[in-house]
Amino acid sequence: MFTLSFLCCWAGDLGQLLRGVMTEAKELAAAERCSLFLLDKHTGELVSKVFDGNEASKEIRIESGKGIAGYVAQTGKLLNIRNAYQHPLFYKGVDESTGFKTRNILCFPICDEEGVIGVAQLCNKLSGFHFDKCDEEVATAFSVYCGISIMHALVHKQVQKAEARYKLSQELLLYHMKVPDMEVNHALEAVKEPDREQDELYRTFPRFDFCPRDVQDHALSVQLAMRMFYDLNFVGSFKIHEYKLARFVLLVQKGYRDTPYHNWWHAFSVAHFAYSLMMNLRLIERGIITKMQGFSFLIAAFCHDLDHRGISNSYQTQTSSPLARLYSSEGSVNERHHLSQAICILNDSSSKILDGLSTTEFKECIDYLRELILATDLANHFRILPRLKKLRSEYLTEGSNQRLLLSLMITCCDLNDQIKSWKTVQHVAHLVYAEFFAEGDLEKQMGLRPNAMMDRKKACIPMLQIEFLTTVIRPTFEILVQIFPETGSFLETIDSNREQWESVRNRAAQQQQGNGNETSGNGATEPCNGCNATAECCDFTCYTKVND
């Protein structure tokens, strides 16, 4: 009747296998349509990206126990429904939205040795009024073969993931150098015997208005990074070996690539803001967060963009990069890689700063790290934004509010350049758009159409920055200020920087008119001699220099 061979040949490609399963099921039972759902063991939901052999535009999920498929998944029992519209579990909405008319349904579970792993649903018997006993027997036997083949495919996928992880680890090892003992010893000596000529720097270092990007010297930045752990009393509280702390910071520094923006200086800046929040708001002393949360918060700030390649999650997914193949099913591709690299460094015997933690504390720390690093994906931030807006200072320690606060603060840390001086804001914009435009160029080379903000021919930097400050930065920091009114100056700085961008935009328009830079016949302006963006959309730093 049928064999396992047709399934086994697709074991390497789960999507192709599922399409093959549905095609075979339809032919065996002479059905008009077939849908196949797999059980998500973490959520208990039924998940499908394939309907009737075609890829769905988005993943479809059915709650456990809901509808016909949900009932079969929960009970493990086959359902043969002769009149769909008269059955209490049938949902008419799908038919109404698609125009398809469901007459009868044969829905059966797909199982492995441990239980239900999925559900197949056949619709509309072609050669008869309804599905009969013979169809039920065929479906029951067929489900056994499906279960075996799907489990083989899932195991094969796990093997592929393991291979991808190995290749990425090898790439990381080849890319980064080991930390020489001399560097570690030098860092330790500098922390224990700081240069007295830098007393003013040490005095202003904890302040919010201190700009980490002004440090510039790599060795000094390592020394200051270590100082954060000492100032917050993490070294003594968590029994951190000083040598391992120095090696940890140096390994993290080397773990960042030389990209325009997502580099060590960005990580150092983010970590400094996390340190400043804890120092100036006395978050641990006031019991707003625990010392373990603070420790995890600082580590996450340093590690949150480890091994960033200067390209977005969207690009990773579009190009099916090794990282996307490894993490795309979970979302937040870049952030999951950063987390993986952080755990690699923390597990290295020479940089294991979590050595002094108990097993329970270690698990707690890693759990916070995971949450915090994934929270730096702005997509995750926007998803929880309605809950963040409800945070109030008097309820911070209740329920999940502490974790929400940490997520908010790590996002503020990630965006903290925008509350620095105008000089810093303008400089950072150059770095960000250097990365954006490089990604846009890659997309063009591949025949893709980049997002407007990543297209150097279309991106209007002043306008994009004004929009970013208005729609992302201010609403995020407004929540922080609502909780901690003493940070109110952040909003004043944001508004001041937005006014600066508006001035740049206005001066640019006036300069364009003064230079007689008229639009060409097709409506486009002449390109800027400095950066090759259209003069109308240039940030005008280079434009002004070239055209003075």
Protein backbone atom coordinates (compact mmCIF):
# COMPACT_ATOMS: atom_id res chain seq x y z
CA MET A 1 0.00 0.00 0.00
CA PHE A 2 2.73 2.49 0.96
CA THR A 3 6.30 2.34 2.22
CA LEU A 4 8.66 4.34 4.40
CA SER A 5 11.05 5.04 1.52
CA PHE A 6 9.15 8.07 0.19
CA LEU A 7 9.44 9.68 3.63
CA CYS A 8 13.05 8.76 4.38
CA CYS A 9 14.34 10.35 1.18
CA TRP A 10 13.25 13.76 2.54
CA ALA A 11 14.62 13.33 6.05
CA GLY A 12 17.16 16.12 5.55
CA ASP A 13 14.52 18.74 4.73
CA LEU A 14 11.63 18.92 7.21
CA GLY A 15 9.54 21.29 5.09
CA GLN A 16 9.86 19.08 2.03
CA LEU A 17 9.11 16.02 4.15
CA LEU A 18 5.89 17.56 5.49
CA ARG A 19 4.76 18.45 1.98
CA GLY A 20 5.45 14.86 0.94
CA VAL A 21 3.47 13.54 3.91
CA MET A 22 0.45 15.63 2.96
CA THR A 23 0.60 14.66 -0.71
CA GLU A 24 0.76 10.97 0.18
CA ALA A 25 -2.03 11.30 2.78
CA LYS A 26 -4.34 13.01 0.30
CA GLU A 27 -3.77 10.31 -2.31
CA LEU A 28 -4.20 7.43 0.13
CA ALA A 29 -7.50 8.74 1.50
CA ALA A 30 -8.67 10.43 -1.72
CA ALA A 31 -9.08 13.76 0.09
CA GLU A 32 -9.35 17.24 -1.39
CA ARG A 33 -7.08 18.93 1.15
CA CYS A 34 -4.62 18.10 3.91
CA SER A 35 -3.12 20.22 6.70
CA LEU A 36 -0.29 19.08 8.95
CA PHE A 37 0.55 20.52 12.39
CA LEU A 38 3.52 19.77 14.64
CA LEU A 39 3.31 20.08 18.42
CA ASP A 40 5.46 22.77 20.06
CA LYS A 41 6.45 21.02 23.29
CA HIS A 42 7.39 24.28 24.97
CA THR A 43 4.03 26.02 24.50
CA GLY A 44 1.72 23.05 23.87
CA GLU A 45 0.51 24.74 20.67
CA LEU A 46 0.08 23.14 17.26
CA VAL A 47 2.22 24.87 14.65
CA SER A 48 2.04 24.80 10.86
CA LYS A 49 3.74 26.70 8.06
CA VAL A 50 2.39 24.43 5.33
CA PHE A 51 -1.19 24.05 4.17
CA ASP A 52 -2.26 21.82 1.27
CA GLY A 53 1.36 21.55 0.15
CA ASN A 54 1.93 25.32 0.03
CA GLU A 55 3.99 27.55 2.31
CA ALA A 56 1.80 29.80 4.47
CA SER A 57 2.62 33.52 4.57
CA LYS A 58 3.11 33.25 8.31
CA GLU A 59 3.23 30.59 10.98
CA ILE A 60 -0.21 29.42 12.14
CA ARG A 61 -0.64 28.34 15.75
CA ILE A 62 -3.55 26.55 17.44
CA GLU A 63 -3.88 26.50 21.21
CA SER A 64 -3.85 23.17 22.98
CA GLY A 65 -7.32 21.65 23.09
CA LYS A 66 -8.86 24.26 20.76
CA GLY A 67 -10.74 23.17 17.65
CA ILE A 68 -10.69 19.78 16.01
CA ALA A 69 -6.90 19.60 15.60
CA GLY A 70 -6.35 20.80 19.18
CA TYR A 71 -8.76 18.18 20.53
CA VAL A 72 -7.02 15.36 18.62
CA ALA A 73 -3.59 16.55 19.82
CA GLN A 74 -4.76 16.66 23.42
CA THR A 75 -6.61 13.33 23.45
CA GLY A 76 -4.58 11.35 20.91
CA LYS A 77 -7.85 10.07 19.42
CA LEU A 78 -8.82 10.01 15.74
CA LEU A 79 -11.89 12.05 14.74
CA ASN A 80 -13.99 11.18 11.66
CA ILE A 81 -16.51 13.99 11.16
CA ARG A 82 -19.14 13.41 8.49
CA ASN A 83 -20.72 16.87 8.63
CA ALA A 84 -18.23 19.55 9.61
CA TYR A 85 -20.74 22.38 10.05
CA GLN A 86 -22.77 20.40 12.56
CA HIS A 87 -19.77 19.51 14.74
CA PRO A 88 -19.33 21.71 17.86
CA LEU A 89 -15.51 21.87 17.51
CA PHE A 90 -15.55 23.08 13.90
CA TYR A 91 -14.62 26.74 13.32
CA LYS A 92 -16.39 28.26 10.29
CA GLY A 93 -14.24 31.40 10.20
CA VAL A 94 -11.48 29.79 8.11
CA ASP A 95 -13.95 28.76 5.41
CA GLU A 96 -15.51 32.20 5.44
CA SER A 97 -12.15 33.92 4.98
CA THR A 98 -10.81 31.53 2.30
CA GLY A 99 -13.98 30.67 0.38
CA PHE A 100 -13.29 26.96 0.82
CA LYS A 101 -16.28 24.74 1.76
CA THR A 102 -15.46 21.99 4.27
CA ARG A 103 -17.88 19.07 4.10
CA ASN A 104 -16.20 16.32 6.13
CA ILE A 105 -12.98 15.86 8.07
CA LEU A 106 -10.69 13.00 9.04
CA CYS A 107 -8.28 14.22 11.73
CA PHE A 108 -5.72 11.87 13.26
CA PRO A 109 -2.72 12.16 15.61
CA ILE A 110 0.89 11.53 14.57
CA CYS A 111 2.81 9.85 17.39
CA ASP A 112 6.25 8.67 18.35
CA GLU A 113 7.28 6.46 21.29
CA GLU A 114 6.58 9.24 23.80
CA GLY A 115 3.20 10.45 22.54
CA VAL A 116 1.61 12.89 20.11
CA ILE A 117 4.06 14.98 18.05
CA GLY A 118 1.59 16.33 15.50
CA VAL A 119 -1.81 16.18 13.84
CA ALA A 120 -2.88 15.58 10.22
CA GLN A 121 -6.25 16.84 9.05
CA LEU A 122 -7.86 15.61 5.80
CA CYS A 123 -10.80 17.52 4.33
CA ASN A 124 -13.54 16.47 1.86
CA LYS A 125 -13.62 12.87 0.65
CA LEU A 126 -13.49 12.94 -3.18
CA SER A 127 -14.76 9.47 -4.03
CA GLY A 128 -17.67 9.16 -1.63
CA PHE A 129 -19.90 11.02 0.76
CA HIS A 130 -17.50 10.84 3.71
CA PHE A 131 -14.39 9.13 5.07
CA ASP A 132 -15.10 5.50 6.07
CA LYS A 133 -13.61 2.81 8.33
CA CYS A 134 -11.08 1.84 5.69
CA ASP A 135 -9.81 5.44 5.58
CA GLU A 136 -9.50 5.43 9.38
CA GLU A 137 -7.38 2.24 9.29
CA VAL A 138 -5.15 3.65 6.55
CA ALA A 139 -4.73 6.90 8.51
CA THR A 140 -3.82 5.03 11.71
CA ALA A 141 -1.17 2.94 9.97
CA PHE A 142 0.10 5.93 8.00
CA SER A 143 0.52 8.02 11.17
CA VAL A 144 3.06 5.50 12.54
CA TYR A 145 5.28 5.92 9.48
CA CYS A 146 4.85 9.71 9.64
CA GLY A 147 5.91 9.79 13.28
CA ILE A 148 9.08 7.79 12.62
CA SER A 149 10.08 9.91 9.62
CA ILE A 150 9.35 13.26 11.25
CA MET A 151 11.41 12.29 14.31
CA HIS A 152 14.27 11.27 12.01
CA ALA A 153 14.03 14.64 10.28
CA LEU A 154 14.02 16.53 13.59
CA VAL A 155 17.07 14.60 14.81
CA HIS A 156 18.81 15.33 11.51
CA LYS A 157 17.99 19.03 11.99
CA GLN A 158 19.56 18.95 15.46
CA VAL A 159 22.71 17.39 13.97
CA GLN A 160 22.83 20.16 11.37
CA LYS A 161 22.48 22.76 14.14
CA ALA A 162 25.33 21.15 16.07
CA GLU A 163 27.51 21.26 12.96
CA ALA A 164 26.61 24.92 12.40
CA ARG A 165 27.53 25.72 16.01
CA TYR A 166 30.86 23.96 15.56
CA LYS A 167 31.63 25.92 12.39
CA LEU A 168 30.74 29.19 14.07
CA SER A 169 32.93 28.35 17.06
CA GLN A 170 35.81 27.50 14.75
CA GLU A 171 35.30 30.77 12.88
CA LEU A 172 35.34 32.68 16.16
CA LEU A 173 38.56 30.97 17.29
CA LEU A 174 40.25 31.70 13.97
CA TYR A 175 39.10 35.31 13.95
CA HIS A 176 40.11 36.27 17.48
CA MET A 177 43.53 35.98 19.05
CA LYS A 178 44.18 34.57 22.48
CA VAL A 179 44.82 37.03 25.30
CA PRO A 180 48.53 37.08 26.23
CA ASP A 181 49.38 36.88 29.94
CA MET A 182 51.30 40.15 29.60
CA GLU A 183 48.06 41.98 28.73
CA VAL A 184 46.28 40.45 31.71
CA ASN A 185 49.08 41.39 34.10
CA HIS A 186 49.23 44.92 32.73
CA ALA A 187 45.48 45.36 33.23
CA LEU A 188 45.71 44.07 36.81
CA GLU A 189 48.60 46.40 37.65
CA ALA A 190 46.77 49.39 36.16
CA VAL A 191 43.69 48.72 38.31
CA LYS A 192 45.68 48.21 41.51
CA GLU A 193 47.93 51.24 40.94
CA PRO A 194 45.91 53.76 38.88
CA ASP A 195 47.65 56.68 37.21
CA ARG A 196 47.31 59.70 39.53
CA GLU A 197 47.27 62.01 36.50
CA GLN A 198 43.83 60.63 35.67
CA ASP A 199 42.18 61.50 38.99
CA GLU A 200 39.69 63.82 37.27
CA LEU A 201 38.65 61.02 34.89
CA TYR A 202 38.08 58.61 37.80
CA ARG A 203 36.09 61.26 39.67
CA THR A 204 33.69 61.94 36.78
CA PHE A 205 33.57 58.35 35.52
CA PRO A 206 30.35 57.29 37.35
CA ARG A 207 28.39 60.34 36.15
CA PHE A 208 25.68 60.08 33.51
CA ASP A 209 27.24 62.87 31.44
CA PHE A 210 30.58 61.06 31.22
CA CYS A 211 31.15 59.98 27.60
CA PRO A 212 32.90 56.58 27.35
CA ARG A 213 33.58 57.16 23.65
CA ASP A 214 35.99 59.95 24.63
CA VAL A 215 38.30 57.42 26.34
CA GLN A 216 39.67 56.03 23.03
CA ASP A 217 42.63 54.20 24.62
CA HIS A 218 41.88 50.44 24.63
CA ALA A 219 44.07 49.63 27.63
CA LEU A 220 42.43 52.40 29.69
CA SER A 221 38.96 51.18 28.68
CA VAL A 222 39.82 47.69 30.00
CA GLN A 223 41.01 49.21 33.27
CA LEU A 224 37.79 51.24 33.59
CA ALA A 225 35.67 48.21 32.69
CA MET A 226 37.26 46.25 35.52
CA ARG A 227 36.75 49.18 37.87
CA MET A 228 32.98 48.92 37.31
CA PHE A 229 32.99 45.44 38.91
CA TYR A 230 35.04 46.73 41.86
CA ASP A 231 32.97 49.91 42.41
CA LEU A 232 29.74 47.89 42.52
CA ASN A 233 31.33 45.43 44.99
CA PHE A 234 30.75 42.47 42.68
CA VAL A 235 34.34 41.23 42.96
CA GLY A 236 34.09 40.64 46.71
CA SER A 237 30.43 39.60 46.81
CA PHE A 238 30.74 36.93 44.11
CA LYS A 239 34.32 35.86 44.91
CA ILE A 240 35.64 36.81 41.46
CA HIS A 241 39.28 35.90 40.88
CA GLU A 242 41.00 39.14 39.78
CA TYR A 243 43.08 37.41 37.11
CA LYS A 244 39.94 35.85 35.60
CA LEU A 245 38.13 39.20 35.67
CA ALA A 246 40.96 40.84 33.71
CA ARG A 247 41.02 37.99 31.20
CA PHE A 248 37.21 38.08 30.92
CA VAL A 249 37.19 41.78 30.04
CA LEU A 250 40.05 41.36 27.56
CA LEU A 251 38.34 38.38 25.90
CA VAL A 252 35.09 40.32 25.62
CA GLN A 253 36.99 43.25 24.11
CA LYS A 254 38.59 40.96 21.53
CA GLY A 255 35.23 39.29 20.95
CA TYR A 256 33.97 42.42 19.18
CA ARG A 257 34.73 42.86 15.50
CA ASP A 258 36.05 46.05 13.96
CA THR A 259 32.68 47.20 12.63
CA PRO A 260 31.83 50.92 12.43
CA TYR A 261 29.25 50.87 15.24
CA HIS A 262 28.70 47.45 16.86
CA ASN A 263 32.22 47.25 18.27
CA TRP A 264 33.95 47.29 21.66
CA TRP A 265 33.36 51.03 22.12
CA HIS A 266 29.62 50.51 21.81
CA ALA A 267 29.78 47.68 24.39
CA PHE A 268 31.93 49.81 26.71
CA SER A 269 29.44 52.67 26.40
CA VAL A 270 26.45 50.40 27.10
CA ALA A 271 28.18 48.83 30.12
CA HIS A 272 29.11 52.27 31.44
CA PHE A 273 25.47 53.38 31.38
CA ALA A 274 24.42 50.20 33.21
CA TYR A 275 27.12 50.95 35.80
CA SER A 276 25.99 54.60 36.06
CA LEU A 277 22.37 53.60 36.58
CA MET A 278 23.32 51.29 39.44
CA MET A 279 25.74 53.79 41.00
CA ASN A 280 23.67 56.98 40.74
CA LEU A 281 20.22 55.50 41.37
CA ARG A 282 21.56 53.12 44.05
CA LEU A 283 19.40 50.38 42.59
CA ILE A 284 20.92 47.57 44.66
CA GLU A 285 21.15 49.49 47.94
CA ARG A 286 17.50 50.54 47.67
CA GLY A 287 16.41 46.95 46.98
CA ILE A 288 15.03 47.83 43.54
CA ILE A 289 17.12 45.05 42.02
CA THR A 290 19.09 42.27 43.70
CA LYS A 291 22.86 42.12 43.65
CA MET A 292 22.67 39.04 41.39
CA GLN A 293 20.45 40.94 38.97
CA GLY A 294 22.89 43.85 39.00
CA PHE A 295 25.84 41.51 38.38
CA SER A 296 24.03 39.85 35.46
CA PHE A 297 22.96 43.27 34.15
CA LEU A 298 26.56 44.50 33.93
CA ILE A 299 27.82 41.28 32.28
CA ALA A 300 24.94 41.40 29.78
CA ALA A 301 25.76 45.02 28.93
CA PHE A 302 29.36 44.10 28.11
CA CYS A 303 28.42 40.98 26.14
CA HIS A 304 25.16 41.99 24.46
CA ASP A 305 26.64 42.44 20.95
CA LEU A 306 29.54 39.97 21.05
CA ASP A 307 30.80 39.03 17.56
CA HIS A 308 28.29 41.33 15.84
CA ARG A 309 28.98 41.28 12.10
CA GLY A 310 27.49 44.71 11.39
CA ILE A 311 24.39 43.30 9.69
CA SER A 312 20.79 43.15 10.89
CA ASN A 313 18.55 40.24 11.83
CA SER A 314 16.53 40.91 8.69
CA TYR A 315 19.60 40.55 6.47
CA GLN A 316 20.67 37.38 8.28
CA THR A 317 17.26 35.84 7.63
CA GLN A 318 16.96 37.06 4.04
CA THR A 319 20.33 35.62 3.06
CA SER A 320 19.89 32.40 5.06
CA SER A 321 23.26 32.97 6.74
CA PRO A 322 24.84 30.32 9.00
CA LEU A 323 23.50 32.26 11.99
CA ALA A 324 20.00 32.34 10.49
CA ARG A 325 20.08 28.61 9.79
CA LEU A 326 21.02 28.07 13.41
CA TYR A 327 18.65 30.50 15.13
CA SER A 328 15.94 31.77 12.73
CA SER A 329 13.28 29.40 14.10
CA GLU A 330 13.74 31.00 17.54
CA GLY A 331 13.91 34.64 16.39
CA SER A 332 16.42 37.36 17.42
CA VAL A 333 19.17 35.73 15.34
CA ASN A 334 21.99 38.14 16.24
CA GLU A 335 21.07 38.31 19.93
CA ARG A 336 21.03 34.53 20.31
CA HIS A 337 24.51 34.41 18.80
CA HIS A 338 25.73 37.13 21.18
CA LEU A 339 24.34 35.12 24.09
CA SER A 340 26.05 31.96 22.85
CA GLN A 341 29.42 33.73 22.61
CA ALA A 342 28.96 35.23 26.08
CA ILE A 343 28.36 31.80 27.59
CA CYS A 344 31.43 30.45 25.75
CA ILE A 345 33.61 33.11 27.37
CA LEU A 346 32.01 32.64 30.78
CA ASN A 347 32.62 28.88 30.55
CA ASP A 348 36.28 29.26 29.60
CA SER A 349 38.36 28.15 32.56
CA SER A 350 40.66 31.18 32.27
CA SER A 351 37.83 33.75 32.29
CA LYS A 352 35.22 31.99 34.43
CA ILE A 353 34.13 34.90 36.59
CA LEU A 354 31.08 32.91 37.74
CA ASP A 355 33.31 30.33 39.49
CA GLY A 356 32.38 31.62 42.94
CA LEU A 357 28.64 31.08 42.40
CA SER A 358 26.71 28.09 43.66
CA THR A 359 24.93 25.89 41.09
CA THR A 360 21.63 27.64 41.82
CA GLU A 361 23.23 31.10 41.56
CA PHE A 362 24.99 30.14 38.33
CA LYS A 363 21.69 29.05 36.73
CA GLU A 364 20.01 32.24 37.95
CA CYS A 365 22.77 34.40 36.48
CA ILE A 366 22.63 32.64 33.08
CA ASP A 367 18.84 32.97 33.08
CA TYR A 368 19.09 36.74 33.60
CA LEU A 369 21.80 36.99 30.95
CA ARG A 370 19.55 35.24 28.44
CA GLU A 371 16.62 37.55 29.17
CA LEU A 372 18.72 40.71 29.11
CA ILE A 373 20.67 40.01 25.92
CA LEU A 374 17.52 38.97 24.05
CA ALA A 375 15.84 42.14 25.36
CA THR A 376 18.31 44.23 23.31
CA ASP A 377 16.45 43.19 20.17
CA LEU A 378 14.19 46.21 19.62
CA ALA A 379 11.51 43.89 18.26
CA ASN A 380 11.29 42.36 21.75
CA HIS A 381 11.26 45.83 23.32
CA PHE A 382 8.28 46.93 21.23
CA ARG A 383 6.45 43.70 22.04
CA ILE A 384 6.58 44.38 25.78
CA LEU A 385 6.26 48.18 25.51
CA PRO A 386 2.60 48.26 26.68
CA ARG A 387 3.65 46.43 29.86
CA LEU A 388 6.66 48.70 30.37
CA LYS A 389 4.44 51.77 30.22
CA LYS A 390 2.50 50.46 33.22
CA LEU A 391 5.60 50.27 35.44
CA ARG A 392 5.47 52.46 38.54
CA SER A 393 8.20 53.09 41.11
CA GLU A 394 6.09 51.82 44.03
CA TYR A 395 5.47 48.40 42.40
CA LEU A 396 8.92 47.56 40.98
CA THR A 397 9.59 44.57 43.23
CA GLU A 398 6.19 42.94 42.65
CA GLY A 399 5.71 39.94 40.35
CA SER A 400 7.54 40.21 37.05
CA ASN A 401 8.10 43.96 37.37
CA GLN A 402 11.77 43.58 38.32
CA ARG A 403 12.45 41.66 35.10
CA LEU A 404 10.50 44.23 33.09
CA LEU A 405 12.56 47.00 34.67
CA LEU A 406 15.80 45.21 33.77
CA SER A 407 14.59 44.84 30.16
CA LEU A 408 13.75 48.54 30.04
CA MET A 409 17.13 49.53 31.49
CA ILE A 410 19.17 47.35 29.13
CA THR A 411 17.32 48.96 26.20
CA CYS A 412 18.09 52.42 27.62
CA CYS A 413 21.73 51.36 27.97
CA ASP A 414 21.77 50.18 24.35
CA LEU A 415 20.41 53.57 23.23
CA ASN A 416 22.34 55.74 25.68
CA ASP A 417 24.39 57.54 23.00
CA GLN A 418 21.26 59.57 22.28
CA ILE A 419 21.34 61.24 25.71
CA LYS A 420 24.94 62.37 25.33
CA SER A 421 26.25 65.63 23.86
CA TRP A 422 25.35 66.72 20.33
CA LYS A 423 28.94 66.01 19.25
CA THR A 424 28.58 62.37 20.36
CA VAL A 425 25.11 62.01 18.83
CA GLN A 426 26.33 63.27 15.46
CA HIS A 427 29.43 61.05 15.56
CA VAL A 428 27.38 57.95 16.43
CA ALA A 429 24.95 58.68 13.58
CA HIS A 430 27.90 58.50 11.16
CA LEU A 431 28.90 55.12 12.58
CA VAL A 432 25.37 53.68 12.50
CA TYR A 433 24.70 54.74 8.93
CA ALA A 434 28.10 53.49 7.79
CA GLU A 435 26.88 50.03 8.83
CA PHE A 436 23.40 50.55 7.41
CA PHE A 437 24.70 51.71 4.03
CA ALA A 438 27.20 48.83 3.84
CA GLU A 439 24.32 46.39 4.39
CA GLY A 440 22.22 48.22 1.80
CA ASP A 441 25.07 47.92 -0.71
CA LEU A 442 25.28 44.17 -0.08
CA GLU A 443 21.52 43.81 -0.59
CA LYS A 444 21.73 45.69 -3.90
CA GLN A 445 24.54 43.40 -5.06
CA MET A 446 22.26 40.45 -4.34
CA GLY A 447 19.41 41.97 -6.33
CA LEU A 448 17.42 42.85 -3.21
CA ARG A 449 15.77 46.19 -2.48
CA PRO A 450 17.14 47.59 0.78
CA ASN A 451 15.06 49.44 3.33
CA ALA A 452 15.15 53.19 2.62
CA MET A 453 17.22 53.92 5.73
CA MET A 454 19.89 51.50 4.48
CA ASP A 455 19.98 52.90 0.97
CA ARG A 456 22.71 55.55 0.74
CA LYS A 457 20.93 57.05 -2.26
CA LYS A 458 17.64 57.53 -0.40
CA ALA A 459 18.35 57.79 3.32
CA CYS A 460 17.77 61.26 4.73
CA ILE A 461 19.82 61.08 7.93
CA PRO A 462 18.48 64.20 9.70
CA MET A 463 14.88 63.15 9.03
CA LEU A 464 15.57 59.55 10.10
CA GLN A 465 17.25 60.73 13.30
CA ILE A 466 14.39 63.08 14.13
CA GLU A 467 11.93 60.21 13.64
CA PHE A 468 14.11 57.84 15.71
CA LEU A 469 14.36 60.29 18.59
CA THR A 470 10.63 61.00 18.46
CA THR A 471 9.24 57.47 18.09
CA VAL A 472 11.82 55.28 19.85
CA ILE A 473 14.22 57.19 22.09
CA ARG A 474 11.93 59.64 23.86
CA PRO A 475 9.07 57.18 24.56
CA THR A 476 11.58 54.70 26.01
CA PHE A 477 13.35 57.19 28.25
CA GLU A 478 10.03 58.72 29.29
CA ILE A 479 9.25 55.42 31.03
CA LEU A 480 12.61 55.49 32.82
CA VAL A 481 12.03 59.10 33.92
CA GLN A 482 8.52 58.23 35.09
CA ILE A 483 10.04 55.58 37.39
CA PHE A 484 13.12 57.61 38.36
CA PRO A 485 12.28 61.35 38.19
CA GLU A 486 15.92 62.18 39.03
CA THR A 487 16.82 61.22 35.44
CA GLY A 488 14.58 63.96 34.01
CA SER A 489 17.56 65.69 32.37
CA PHE A 490 17.70 62.82 29.87
CA LEU A 491 14.52 64.10 28.20
CA GLU A 492 15.94 67.63 28.04
CA THR A 493 19.05 66.31 26.27
CA ILE A 494 16.96 64.23 23.85
CA ASP A 495 14.84 67.29 22.98
CA SER A 496 17.97 69.41 22.54
CA ASN A 497 19.52 66.85 20.19
CA ARG A 498 16.30 66.62 18.21
CA GLU A 499 16.36 70.42 17.80
CA GLN A 500 19.95 70.13 16.57
CA TRP A 501 18.90 67.64 13.89
CA GLU A 502 16.03 69.93 12.90
CA SER A 503 18.54 72.79 12.55
CA VAL A 504 20.79 70.61 10.39
CA ARG A 505 17.81 69.75 8.20
CA ASN A 506 16.78 73.41 7.89
CA ARG A 507 20.33 74.65 7.22
CA ALA A 508 20.71 71.97 4.59
CA ALA A 509 17.58 73.09 2.79
CA GLN A 510 18.75 76.72 2.87
CA GLN A 511 22.25 75.80 1.73
CA GLN A 512 20.84 73.75 -1.09
CA GLN A 513 18.86 76.74 -2.31
CA GLY A 514 21.84 79.07 -1.88
CA ASN A 515 24.12 76.80 -3.90
CA GLY A 516 21.52 76.53 -6.62
CA ASN A 517 21.38 72.78 -6.20
CA GLU A 518 18.27 72.31 -8.29
CA THR A 519 16.63 68.98 -8.83
CA SER A 520 17.31 67.16 -12.08
CA GLY A 521 14.64 66.39 -14.63
CA ASN A 522 13.66 63.12 -12.96
CA GLY A 523 13.08 64.86 -9.62
CA ALA A 524 16.29 63.64 -7.90
CA THR A 525 18.75 66.09 -6.42
CA GLU A 526 22.42 66.21 -7.33
CA PRO A 527 24.59 63.82 -5.24
CA CYS A 528 26.69 65.09 -2.37
CA ASN A 529 30.38 65.23 -3.31
CA GLY A 530 31.31 64.02 0.15
CA CYS A 531 29.29 60.87 0.71
CA ASN A 532 27.47 60.18 -2.59
CA ALA A 533 24.05 60.48 -0.96
CA THR A 534 21.64 62.87 -2.60
CA ALA A 535 22.36 66.36 -1.28
CA GLU A 536 18.82 66.63 0.02
CA CYS A 537 19.32 63.52 2.18
CA CYS A 538 22.93 63.95 3.25
CA ASP A 539 23.64 64.70 6.93
CA PHE A 540 25.57 67.70 5.57
CA THR A 541 28.65 67.32 7.73
CA CYS A 542 30.65 66.15 4.72
CA TYR A 543 28.53 68.25 2.34
CA THR A 544 29.40 71.43 4.22
CA LYS A 545 33.11 70.60 4.31
CA VAL A 546 33.24 69.93 0.58
CA ASN A 547 31.14 72.92 -0.44
CA ASP A 548 32.40 75.62 1.96
